[in-house]
Amino acid sequence: MARVMIVDDTEILRRAMELVIRRMGHTPVSASSPRKALELALRDPPELALIDLLMPEMDGAELFRRLRSGLGERCPLVIFVSASPREDVARRVGAVGCP
């Protein structure tokens, strides 16, 4: 069973992802803000993180940068979640060195 961090500022989306992760047999850990997610991950790194790309205080790409910097090899695998056009997602994610 893996710990999966869900980071999204929209509560209904967070709750839906928690339900799916739980039904898959994993343990969801949720955060409504990137700052809270960073605090939780630095304390107890998850194996996987589902991160909303566009959030008000810090975008998902910046959160990923900070996770990589703070956790190094213990940084979780990251899946970015977004309703943005693919080109915008590629530009933002490419800026942090992700293929």
PDB file of N, CA and C in Angstrom:
ATOM      1  N   MET A   1       0.842  -1.171   0.000  1.00  0.00           N
ATOM      2  CA  MET A   1       0.000   0.000   0.000  1.00  0.00           C
ATOM      3  C   MET A   1       0.894   1.243   0.000  1.00  0.00           C
ATOM      4  N   ALA A   2       0.634   2.164  -0.900  1.00  0.00           N
ATOM      5  CA  ALA A   2       1.445   3.380  -1.019  1.00  0.00           C
ATOM      6  C   ALA A   2       0.726   4.577  -0.412  1.00  0.00           C
ATOM      7  N   ARG A   3       1.533   5.526   0.051  1.00  0.00           N
ATOM      8  CA  ARG A   3       0.992   6.822   0.488  1.00  0.00           C
ATOM      9  C   ARG A   3       0.992   7.726  -0.734  1.00  0.00           C
ATOM     10  N   VAL A   4      -0.179   8.281  -1.031  1.00  0.00           N
ATOM     11  CA  VAL A   4      -0.336   9.140  -2.207  1.00  0.00           C
ATOM     12  C   VAL A   4      -0.779  10.521  -1.738  1.00  0.00           C
ATOM     13  N   MET A   5       0.050  11.529  -2.020  1.00  0.00           N
ATOM     14  CA  MET A   5      -0.297  12.891  -1.651  1.00  0.00           C
ATOM     15  C   MET A   5      -1.112  13.531  -2.766  1.00  0.00           C
ATOM     16  N   ILE A   6      -2.215  14.160  -2.374  1.00  0.00           N
ATOM     17  CA  ILE A   6      -3.092  14.860  -3.302  1.00  0.00           C
ATOM     18  C   ILE A   6      -3.043  16.340  -2.946  1.00  0.00           C
ATOM     19  N   VAL A   7      -2.652  17.164  -3.923  1.00  0.00           N
ATOM     20  CA  VAL A   7      -2.537  18.598  -3.680  1.00  0.00           C
ATOM     21  C   VAL A   7      -3.415  19.328  -4.685  1.00  0.00           C
ATOM     22  N   ASP A   8      -4.505  19.895  -4.182  1.00  0.00           N
ATOM     23  CA  ASP A   8      -5.437  20.616  -5.052  1.00  0.00           C
ATOM     24  C   ASP A   8      -6.185  21.630  -4.198  1.00  0.00           C
ATOM     25  N   ASP A   9      -6.359  22.831  -4.718  1.00  0.00           N
ATOM     26  CA  ASP A   9      -7.055  23.863  -3.959  1.00  0.00           C
ATOM     27  C   ASP A   9      -8.578  23.764  -4.086  1.00  0.00           C
ATOM     28  N   THR A  10      -9.070  22.849  -4.914  1.00  0.00           N
ATOM     29  CA  THR A  10     -10.505  22.639  -5.069  1.00  0.00           C
ATOM     30  C   THR A  10     -10.925  21.417  -4.253  1.00  0.00           C
ATOM     31  N   GLU A  11     -11.708  21.664  -3.212  1.00  0.00           N
ATOM     32  CA  GLU A  11     -12.047  20.600  -2.263  1.00  0.00           C
ATOM     33  C   GLU A  11     -12.745  19.402  -2.910  1.00  0.00           C
ATOM     34  N   ILE A  12     -13.694  19.649  -3.778  1.00  0.00           N
ATOM     35  CA  ILE A  12     -14.441  18.535  -4.361  1.00  0.00           C
ATOM     36  C   ILE A  12     -13.541  17.627  -5.200  1.00  0.00           C
ATOM     37  N   LEU A  13     -12.571  18.205  -5.896  1.00  0.00           N
ATOM     38  CA  LEU A  13     -11.623  17.402  -6.675  1.00  0.00           C
ATOM     39  C   LEU A  13     -10.698  16.608  -5.754  1.00  0.00           C
ATOM     40  N   ARG A  14     -10.256  17.256  -4.676  1.00  0.00           N
ATOM     41  CA  ARG A  14      -9.406  16.571  -3.697  1.00  0.00           C
ATOM     42  C   ARG A  14     -10.138  15.367  -3.121  1.00  0.00           C
ATOM     43  N   ARG A  15     -11.388  15.576  -2.716  1.00  0.00           N
ATOM     44  CA  ARG A  15     -12.180  14.494  -2.109  1.00  0.00           C
ATOM     45  C   ARG A  15     -12.412  13.349  -3.099  1.00  0.00           C
ATOM     46  N   ALA A  16     -12.672  13.684  -4.357  1.00  0.00           N
ATOM     47  CA  ALA A  16     -12.878  12.650  -5.380  1.00  0.00           C
ATOM     48  C   ALA A  16     -11.606  11.822  -5.575  1.00  0.00           C
ATOM     49  N   MET A  17     -10.450  12.497  -5.644  1.00  0.00           N
ATOM     50  CA  MET A  17      -9.192  11.769  -5.807  1.00  0.00           C
ATOM     51  C   MET A  17      -8.891  10.910  -4.578  1.00  0.00           C
ATOM     52  N   GLU A  18      -9.204  11.421  -3.384  1.00  0.00           N
ATOM     53  CA  GLU A  18      -9.018  10.633  -2.154  1.00  0.00           C
ATOM     54  C   GLU A  18      -9.818   9.344  -2.228  1.00  0.00           C
ATOM     55  N   LEU A  19     -11.066   9.441  -2.664  1.00  0.00           N
ATOM     56  CA  LEU A  19     -11.944   8.277  -2.758  1.00  0.00           C
ATOM     57  C   LEU A  19     -11.374   7.233  -3.713  1.00  0.00           C
ATOM     58  N   VAL A  20     -10.928   7.679  -4.870  1.00  0.00           N
ATOM     59  CA  VAL A  20     -10.353   6.757  -5.856  1.00  0.00           C
ATOM     60  C   VAL A  20      -9.094   6.092  -5.300  1.00  0.00           C
ATOM     61  N   ILE A  21      -8.213   6.876  -4.703  1.00  0.00           N
ATOM     62  CA  ILE A  21      -6.957   6.339  -4.155  1.00  0.00           C
ATOM     63  C   ILE A  21      -7.262   5.323  -3.059  1.00  0.00           C
ATOM     64  N   ARG A  22      -8.202   5.644  -2.180  1.00  0.00           N
ATOM     65  CA  ARG A  22      -8.587   4.730  -1.095  1.00  0.00           C
ATOM     66  C   ARG A  22      -9.153   3.430  -1.654  1.00  0.00           C
ATOM     67  N   ARG A  23     -10.012   3.545  -2.670  1.00  0.00           N
ATOM     68  CA  ARG A  23     -10.611   2.346  -3.282  1.00  0.00           C
ATOM     69  C   ARG A  23      -9.572   1.476  -3.980  1.00  0.00           C
ATOM     70  N   MET A  24      -8.473   2.085  -4.381  1.00  0.00           N
ATOM     71  CA  MET A  24      -7.376   1.329  -4.999  1.00  0.00           C
ATOM     72  C   MET A  24      -6.500   0.654  -3.949  1.00  0.00           C
ATOM     73  N   GLY A  25      -6.807   0.893  -2.673  1.00  0.00           N
ATOM     74  CA  GLY A  25      -6.061   0.239  -1.607  1.00  0.00           C
ATOM     75  C   GLY A  25      -4.878   1.025  -1.084  1.00  0.00           C
ATOM     76  N   HIS A  26      -4.777   2.286  -1.461  1.00  0.00           N
ATOM     77  CA  HIS A  26      -3.660   3.118  -1.022  1.00  0.00           C
ATOM     78  C   HIS A  26      -4.127   4.125   0.027  1.00  0.00           C
ATOM     79  N   THR A  27      -3.190   4.803   0.637  1.00  0.00           N
ATOM     80  CA  THR A  27      -3.500   5.780   1.672  1.00  0.00           C
ATOM     81  C   THR A  27      -3.356   7.195   1.121  1.00  0.00           C
ATOM     82  N   PRO A  28      -4.472   7.930   1.006  1.00  0.00           N
ATOM     83  CA  PRO A  28      -4.368   9.313   0.536  1.00  0.00           C
ATOM     84  C   PRO A  28      -3.974  10.253   1.669  1.00  0.00           C
ATOM     85  N   VAL A  29      -3.130  11.220   1.318  1.00  0.00           N
ATOM     86  CA  VAL A  29      -2.753  12.301   2.226  1.00  0.00           C
ATOM     87  C   VAL A  29      -3.028  13.581   1.444  1.00  0.00           C
ATOM     88  N   SER A  30      -3.940  14.410   1.935  1.00  0.00           N
ATOM     89  CA  SER A  30      -4.365  15.577   1.168  1.00  0.00           C
ATOM     90  C   SER A  30      -3.871  16.892   1.741  1.00  0.00           C
ATOM     91  N   ALA A  31      -3.692  17.829   0.823  1.00  0.00           N
ATOM     92  CA  ALA A  31      -3.336  19.194   1.204  1.00  0.00           C
ATOM     93  C   ALA A  31      -4.070  20.142   0.270  1.00  0.00           C
ATOM     94  N   SER A  32      -4.627  21.199   0.853  1.00  0.00           N
ATOM     95  CA  SER A  32      -5.369  22.175   0.047  1.00  0.00           C
ATOM     96  C   SER A  32      -4.474  23.297  -0.469  1.00  0.00           C
ATOM     97  N   SER A  33      -3.210  23.302  -0.040  1.00  0.00           N
ATOM     98  CA  SER A  33      -2.287  24.330  -0.505  1.00  0.00           C
ATOM     99  C   SER A  33      -0.898  23.724  -0.706  1.00  0.00           C
ATOM    100  N   PRO A  34      -0.124  24.295  -1.613  1.00  0.00           N
ATOM    101  CA  PRO A  34       1.236  23.805  -1.828  1.00  0.00           C
ATOM    102  C   PRO A  34       2.114  23.920  -0.579  1.00  0.00           C
ATOM    103  N   ARG A  35       1.925  24.974   0.193  1.00  0.00           N
ATOM    104  CA  ARG A  35       2.744  25.139   1.406  1.00  0.00           C
ATOM    105  C   ARG A  35       2.479  24.030   2.418  1.00  0.00           C
ATOM    106  N   LYS A  36       1.204  23.675   2.585  1.00  0.00           N
ATOM    107  CA  LYS A  36       0.854  22.579   3.494  1.00  0.00           C
ATOM    108  C   LYS A  36       1.396  21.261   2.954  1.00  0.00           C
ATOM    109  N   ALA A  37       1.305  21.065   1.651  1.00  0.00           N
ATOM    110  CA  ALA A  37       1.823  19.843   1.030  1.00  0.00           C
ATOM    111  C   ALA A  37       3.324  19.711   1.250  1.00  0.00           C
ATOM    112  N   LEU A  38       4.046  20.802   1.078  1.00  0.00           N
ATOM    113  CA  LEU A  38       5.490  20.787   1.273  1.00  0.00           C
ATOM    114  C   LEU A  38       5.828  20.415   2.711  1.00  0.00           C
ATOM    115  N   GLU A  39       5.122  21.016   3.650  1.00  0.00           N
ATOM    116  CA  GLU A  39       5.332  20.717   5.065  1.00  0.00           C
ATOM    117  C   GLU A  39       5.091  19.228   5.349  1.00  0.00           C
ATOM    118  N   LEU A  40       3.995  18.678   4.843  1.00  0.00           N
ATOM    119  CA  LEU A  40       3.674  17.263   5.058  1.00  0.00           C
ATOM    120  C   LEU A  40       4.705  16.346   4.400  1.00  0.00           C
ATOM    121  N   ALA A  41       5.078  16.660   3.167  1.00  0.00           N
ATOM    122  CA  ALA A  41       6.012  15.809   2.422  1.00  0.00           C
ATOM    123  C   ALA A  41       7.410  15.813   3.028  1.00  0.00           C
ATOM    124  N   LEU A  42       7.850  16.960   3.517  1.00  0.00           N
ATOM    125  CA  LEU A  42       9.188  17.016   4.125  1.00  0.00           C
ATOM    126  C   LEU A  42       9.228  16.214   5.424  1.00  0.00           C
ATOM    127  N   ARG A  43       8.100  16.153   6.104  1.00  0.00           N
ATOM    128  CA  ARG A  43       8.016  15.392   7.352  1.00  0.00           C
ATOM    129  C   ARG A  43       7.936  13.885   7.088  1.00  0.00           C
ATOM    130  N   ASP A  44       7.144  13.491   6.081  1.00  0.00           N
ATOM    131  CA  ASP A  44       6.932  12.075   5.774  1.00  0.00           C
ATOM    132  C   ASP A  44       6.661  11.942   4.275  1.00  0.00           C
ATOM    133  N   PRO A  45       7.708  11.767   3.471  1.00  0.00           N
ATOM    134  CA  PRO A  45       7.549  11.763   2.011  1.00  0.00           C
ATOM    135  C   PRO A  45       6.611  10.654   1.512  1.00  0.00           C
ATOM    136  N   PRO A  46       5.684  11.003   0.625  1.00  0.00           N
ATOM    137  CA  PRO A  46       4.820   9.988   0.013  1.00  0.00           C
ATOM    138  C   PRO A  46       5.565   9.296  -1.128  1.00  0.00           C
ATOM    139  N   GLU A  47       5.002   8.205  -1.618  1.00  0.00           N
ATOM    140  CA  GLU A  47       5.603   7.524  -2.770  1.00  0.00           C
ATOM    141  C   GLU A  47       5.176   8.177  -4.086  1.00  0.00           C
ATOM    142  N   LEU A  48       3.990   8.788  -4.084  1.00  0.00           N
ATOM    143  CA  LEU A  48       3.430   9.408  -5.285  1.00  0.00           C
ATOM    144  C   LEU A  48       2.727  10.696  -4.886  1.00  0.00           C
ATOM    145  N   ALA A  49       2.763  11.695  -5.765  1.00  0.00           N
ATOM    146  CA  ALA A  49       2.041  12.947  -5.514  1.00  0.00           C
ATOM    147  C   ALA A  49       1.245  13.324  -6.753  1.00  0.00           C
ATOM    148  N   LEU A  50      -0.047  13.592  -6.557  1.00  0.00           N
ATOM    149  CA  LEU A  50      -0.920  14.111  -7.606  1.00  0.00           C
ATOM    150  C   LEU A  50      -1.059  15.599  -7.323  1.00  0.00           C
ATOM    151  N   ILE A  51      -0.483  16.429  -8.178  1.00  0.00           N
ATOM    152  CA  ILE A  51      -0.392  17.862  -7.900  1.00  0.00           C
ATOM    153  C   ILE A  51      -1.121  18.677  -8.956  1.00  0.00           C
ATOM    154  N   ASP A  52      -2.058  19.504  -8.500  1.00  0.00           N
ATOM    155  CA  ASP A  52      -2.737  20.448  -9.378  1.00  0.00           C
ATOM    156  C   ASP A  52      -1.680  21.420  -9.905  1.00  0.00           C
ATOM    157  N   LEU A  53      -1.683  21.657 -11.189  1.00  0.00           N
ATOM    158  CA  LEU A  53      -0.660  22.530 -11.767  1.00  0.00           C
ATOM    159  C   LEU A  53      -0.919  24.002 -11.467  1.00  0.00           C
ATOM    160  N   LEU A  54      -2.187  24.423 -11.458  1.00  0.00           N
ATOM    161  CA  LEU A  54      -2.501  25.833 -11.250  1.00  0.00           C
ATOM    162  C   LEU A  54      -3.192  26.048  -9.905  1.00  0.00           C
ATOM    163  N   MET A  55      -2.464  26.673  -8.986  1.00  0.00           N
ATOM    164  CA  MET A  55      -3.013  27.010  -7.670  1.00  0.00           C
ATOM    165  C   MET A  55      -2.623  28.445  -7.360  1.00  0.00           C
ATOM    166  N   PRO A  56      -3.398  29.128  -6.511  1.00  0.00           N
ATOM    167  CA  PRO A  56      -3.192  30.559  -6.293  1.00  0.00           C
ATOM    168  C   PRO A  56      -1.841  30.983  -5.710  1.00  0.00           C
ATOM    169  N   GLU A  57      -1.399  30.398  -4.647  1.00  0.00           N
ATOM    170  CA  GLU A  57      -0.211  30.918  -3.966  1.00  0.00           C
ATOM    171  C   GLU A  57       1.116  30.428  -4.554  1.00  0.00           C
ATOM    172  N   MET A  58       1.096  29.246  -5.145  1.00  0.00           N
ATOM    173  CA  MET A  58       2.307  28.663  -5.729  1.00  0.00           C
ATOM    174  C   MET A  58       1.830  27.610  -6.723  1.00  0.00           C
ATOM    175  N   ASP A  59       2.373  27.597  -7.931  1.00  0.00           N
ATOM    176  CA  ASP A  59       1.886  26.590  -8.866  1.00  0.00           C
ATOM    177  C   ASP A  59       2.527  25.231  -8.592  1.00  0.00           C
ATOM    178  N   GLY A  60       1.964  24.206  -9.218  1.00  0.00           N
ATOM    179  CA  GLY A  60       2.438  22.846  -8.991  1.00  0.00           C
ATOM    180  C   GLY A  60       3.885  22.637  -9.406  1.00  0.00           C
ATOM    181  N   ALA A  61       4.327  23.338 -10.451  1.00  0.00           N
ATOM    182  CA  ALA A  61       5.714  23.206 -10.905  1.00  0.00           C
ATOM    183  C   ALA A  61       6.684  23.709  -9.829  1.00  0.00           C
ATOM    184  N   GLU A  62       6.346  24.832  -9.196  1.00  0.00           N
ATOM    185  CA  GLU A  62       7.196  25.360  -8.125  1.00  0.00           C
ATOM    186  C   GLU A  62       7.183  24.419  -6.922  1.00  0.00           C
ATOM    187  N   LEU A  63       6.036  23.858  -6.606  1.00  0.00           N
ATOM    188  CA  LEU A  63       5.979  22.879  -5.512  1.00  0.00           C
ATOM    189  C   LEU A  63       6.894  21.703  -5.827  1.00  0.00           C
ATOM    190  N   PHE A  64       6.858  21.223  -7.051  1.00  0.00           N
ATOM    191  CA  PHE A  64       7.727  20.111  -7.443  1.00  0.00           C
ATOM    192  C   PHE A  64       9.203  20.492  -7.300  1.00  0.00           C
ATOM    193  N   ARG A  65       9.564  21.699  -7.724  1.00  0.00           N
ATOM    194  CA  ARG A  65      10.956  22.171  -7.567  1.00  0.00           C
ATOM    195  C   ARG A  65      11.381  22.091  -6.099  1.00  0.00           C
ATOM    196  N   ARG A  66      10.504  22.569  -5.230  1.00  0.00           N
ATOM    197  CA  ARG A  66      10.816  22.591  -3.793  1.00  0.00           C
ATOM    198  C   ARG A  66      10.860  21.182  -3.204  1.00  0.00           C
ATOM    199  N   LEU A  67      10.006  20.300  -3.685  1.00  0.00           N
ATOM    200  CA  LEU A  67      10.051  18.905  -3.222  1.00  0.00           C
ATOM    201  C   LEU A  67      11.375  18.256  -3.621  1.00  0.00           C
ATOM    202  N   ARG A  68      11.772  18.465  -4.880  1.00  0.00           N
ATOM    203  CA  ARG A  68      13.052  17.900  -5.349  1.00  0.00           C
ATOM    204  C   ARG A  68      14.219  18.447  -4.557  1.00  0.00           C
ATOM    205  N   SER A  69      14.186  19.750  -4.304  1.00  0.00           N
ATOM    206  CA  SER A  69      15.268  20.390  -3.567  1.00  0.00           C
ATOM    207  C   SER A  69      15.325  19.889  -2.122  1.00  0.00           C
ATOM    208  N   GLY A  70      14.180  19.783  -1.485  1.00  0.00           N
ATOM    209  CA  GLY A  70      14.137  19.404  -0.077  1.00  0.00           C
ATOM    210  C   GLY A  70      14.267  17.921   0.191  1.00  0.00           C
ATOM    211  N   LEU A  71      13.846  17.091  -0.775  1.00  0.00           N
ATOM    212  CA  LEU A  71      13.837  15.649  -0.542  1.00  0.00           C
ATOM    213  C   LEU A  71      14.892  14.881  -1.328  1.00  0.00           C
ATOM    214  N   GLY A  72      15.429  15.486  -2.373  1.00  0.00           N
ATOM    215  CA  GLY A  72      16.441  14.797  -3.172  1.00  0.00           C
ATOM    216  C   GLY A  72      15.929  13.458  -3.688  1.00  0.00           C
ATOM    217  N   GLU A  73      16.648  12.398  -3.398  1.00  0.00           N
ATOM    218  CA  GLU A  73      16.297  11.051  -3.863  1.00  0.00           C
ATOM    219  C   GLU A  73      14.976  10.550  -3.287  1.00  0.00           C
ATOM    220  N   ARG A  74      14.533  11.132  -2.194  1.00  0.00           N
ATOM    221  CA  ARG A  74      13.277  10.706  -1.569  1.00  0.00           C
ATOM    222  C   ARG A  74      12.069  11.433  -2.164  1.00  0.00           C
ATOM    223  N   CYS A  75      12.287  12.276  -3.167  1.00  0.00           N
ATOM    224  CA  CYS A  75      11.198  13.006  -3.817  1.00  0.00           C
ATOM    225  C   CYS A  75      10.237  11.996  -4.465  1.00  0.00           C
ATOM    226  N   PRO A  76       8.937  12.179  -4.242  1.00  0.00           N
ATOM    227  CA  PRO A  76       7.980  11.226  -4.818  1.00  0.00           C
ATOM    228  C   PRO A  76       7.861  11.371  -6.330  1.00  0.00           C
ATOM    229  N   LEU A  77       7.350  10.327  -6.951  1.00  0.00           N
ATOM    230  CA  LEU A  77       6.947  10.439  -8.349  1.00  0.00           C
ATOM    231  C   LEU A  77       5.805  11.434  -8.377  1.00  0.00           C
ATOM    232  N   VAL A  78       5.731  12.252  -9.416  1.00  0.00           N
ATOM    233  CA  VAL A  78       4.709  13.298  -9.483  1.00  0.00           C
ATOM    234  C   VAL A  78       3.899  13.156 -10.760  1.00  0.00           C
ATOM    235  N   ILE A  79       2.580  13.285 -10.592  1.00  0.00           N
ATOM    236  CA  ILE A  79       1.667  13.382 -11.723  1.00  0.00           C
ATOM    237  C   ILE A  79       0.984  14.737 -11.586  1.00  0.00           C
ATOM    238  N   PHE A  80       1.137  15.576 -12.614  1.00  0.00           N
ATOM    239  CA  PHE A  80       0.477  16.876 -12.594  1.00  0.00           C
ATOM    240  C   PHE A  80      -0.950  16.725 -13.096  1.00  0.00           C
ATOM    241  N   VAL A  81      -1.876  17.374 -12.398  1.00  0.00           N
ATOM    242  CA  VAL A  81      -3.292  17.351 -12.741  1.00  0.00           C
ATOM    243  C   VAL A  81      -3.664  18.756 -13.194  1.00  0.00           C
ATOM    244  N   SER A  82      -4.327  18.859 -14.367  1.00  0.00           N
ATOM    245  CA  SER A  82      -4.664  20.190 -14.854  1.00  0.00           C
ATOM    246  C   SER A  82      -5.763  20.135 -15.895  1.00  0.00           C
ATOM    247  N   ALA A  83      -6.569  21.176 -15.917  1.00  0.00           N
ATOM    248  CA  ALA A  83      -7.567  21.346 -16.970  1.00  0.00           C
ATOM    249  C   ALA A  83      -7.038  22.313 -18.032  1.00  0.00           C
ATOM    250  N   SER A  84      -5.789  22.732 -17.897  1.00  0.00           N
ATOM    251  CA  SER A  84      -5.180  23.670 -18.845  1.00  0.00           C
ATOM    252  C   SER A  84      -4.849  22.975 -20.161  1.00  0.00           C
ATOM    253  N   PRO A  85      -4.713  23.754 -21.227  1.00  0.00           N
ATOM    254  CA  PRO A  85      -4.302  23.176 -22.508  1.00  0.00           C
ATOM    255  C   PRO A  85      -2.944  22.478 -22.386  1.00  0.00           C
ATOM    256  N   ARG A  86      -2.767  21.437 -23.144  1.00  0.00           N
ATOM    257  CA  ARG A  86      -1.556  20.627 -23.094  1.00  0.00           C
ATOM    258  C   ARG A  86      -0.287  21.460 -23.274  1.00  0.00           C
ATOM    259  N   GLU A  87      -0.333  22.454 -24.155  1.00  0.00           N
ATOM    260  CA  GLU A  87       0.852  23.274 -24.414  1.00  0.00           C
ATOM    261  C   GLU A  87       1.269  24.058 -23.170  1.00  0.00           C
ATOM    262  N   ASP A  88       0.281  24.576 -22.435  1.00  0.00           N
ATOM    263  CA  ASP A  88       0.573  25.322 -21.209  1.00  0.00           C
ATOM    264  C   ASP A  88       1.186  24.402 -20.161  1.00  0.00           C
ATOM    265  N   VAL A  89       0.631  23.210 -20.053  1.00  0.00           N
ATOM    266  CA  VAL A  89       1.165  22.233 -19.097  1.00  0.00           C
ATOM    267  C   VAL A  89       2.601  21.878 -19.476  1.00  0.00           C
ATOM    268  N   ALA A  90       2.842  21.609 -20.743  1.00  0.00           N
ATOM    269  CA  ALA A  90       4.190  21.244 -21.196  1.00  0.00           C
ATOM    270  C   ALA A  90       5.193  22.363 -20.912  1.00  0.00           C
ATOM    271  N   ARG A  91       4.781  23.610 -21.129  1.00  0.00           N
ATOM    272  CA  ARG A  91       5.684  24.744 -20.886  1.00  0.00           C
ATOM    273  C   ARG A  91       6.028  24.842 -19.398  1.00  0.00           C
ATOM    274  N   ARG A  92       5.015  24.751 -18.547  1.00  0.00           N
ATOM    275  CA  ARG A  92       5.242  24.886 -17.106  1.00  0.00           C
ATOM    276  C   ARG A  92       6.078  23.730 -16.556  1.00  0.00           C
ATOM    277  N   VAL A  93       5.737  22.526 -16.962  1.00  0.00           N
ATOM    278  CA  VAL A  93       6.449  21.347 -16.462  1.00  0.00           C
ATOM    279  C   VAL A  93       7.853  21.296 -17.052  1.00  0.00           C
ATOM    280  N   GLY A  94       8.003  21.667 -18.299  1.00  0.00           N
ATOM    281  CA  GLY A  94       9.324  21.689 -18.926  1.00  0.00           C
ATOM    282  C   GLY A  94      10.264  22.665 -18.243  1.00  0.00           C
ATOM    283  N   ALA A  95       9.706  23.713 -17.644  1.00  0.00           N
ATOM    284  CA  ALA A  95      10.520  24.723 -16.962  1.00  0.00           C
ATOM    285  C   ALA A  95      11.207  24.178 -15.714  1.00  0.00           C
ATOM    286  N   VAL A  96      10.706  23.059 -15.169  1.00  0.00           N
ATOM    287  CA  VAL A  96      11.346  22.481 -13.987  1.00  0.00           C
ATOM    288  C   VAL A  96      12.220  21.275 -14.355  1.00  0.00           C
ATOM    289  N   GLY A  97      12.404  21.071 -15.652  1.00  0.00           N
ATOM    290  CA  GLY A  97      13.312  20.007 -16.077  1.00  0.00           C
ATOM    291  C   GLY A  97      12.668  18.650 -16.207  1.00  0.00           C
ATOM    292  N   CYS A  98      11.352  18.608 -16.408  1.00  0.00           N
ATOM    293  CA  CYS A  98      10.672  17.341 -16.631  1.00  0.00           C
ATOM    294  C   CYS A  98      10.460  17.154 -18.132  1.00  0.00           C
ATOM    295  N   PRO A  99      10.715  15.970 -18.633  1.00  0.00           N
ATOM    296  CA  PRO A  99      10.500  15.729 -20.067  1.00  0.00           C
ATOM    297  C   PRO A  99       9.035  15.744 -20.434  1.00  0.00           C
TER     298      PRO A  99
END
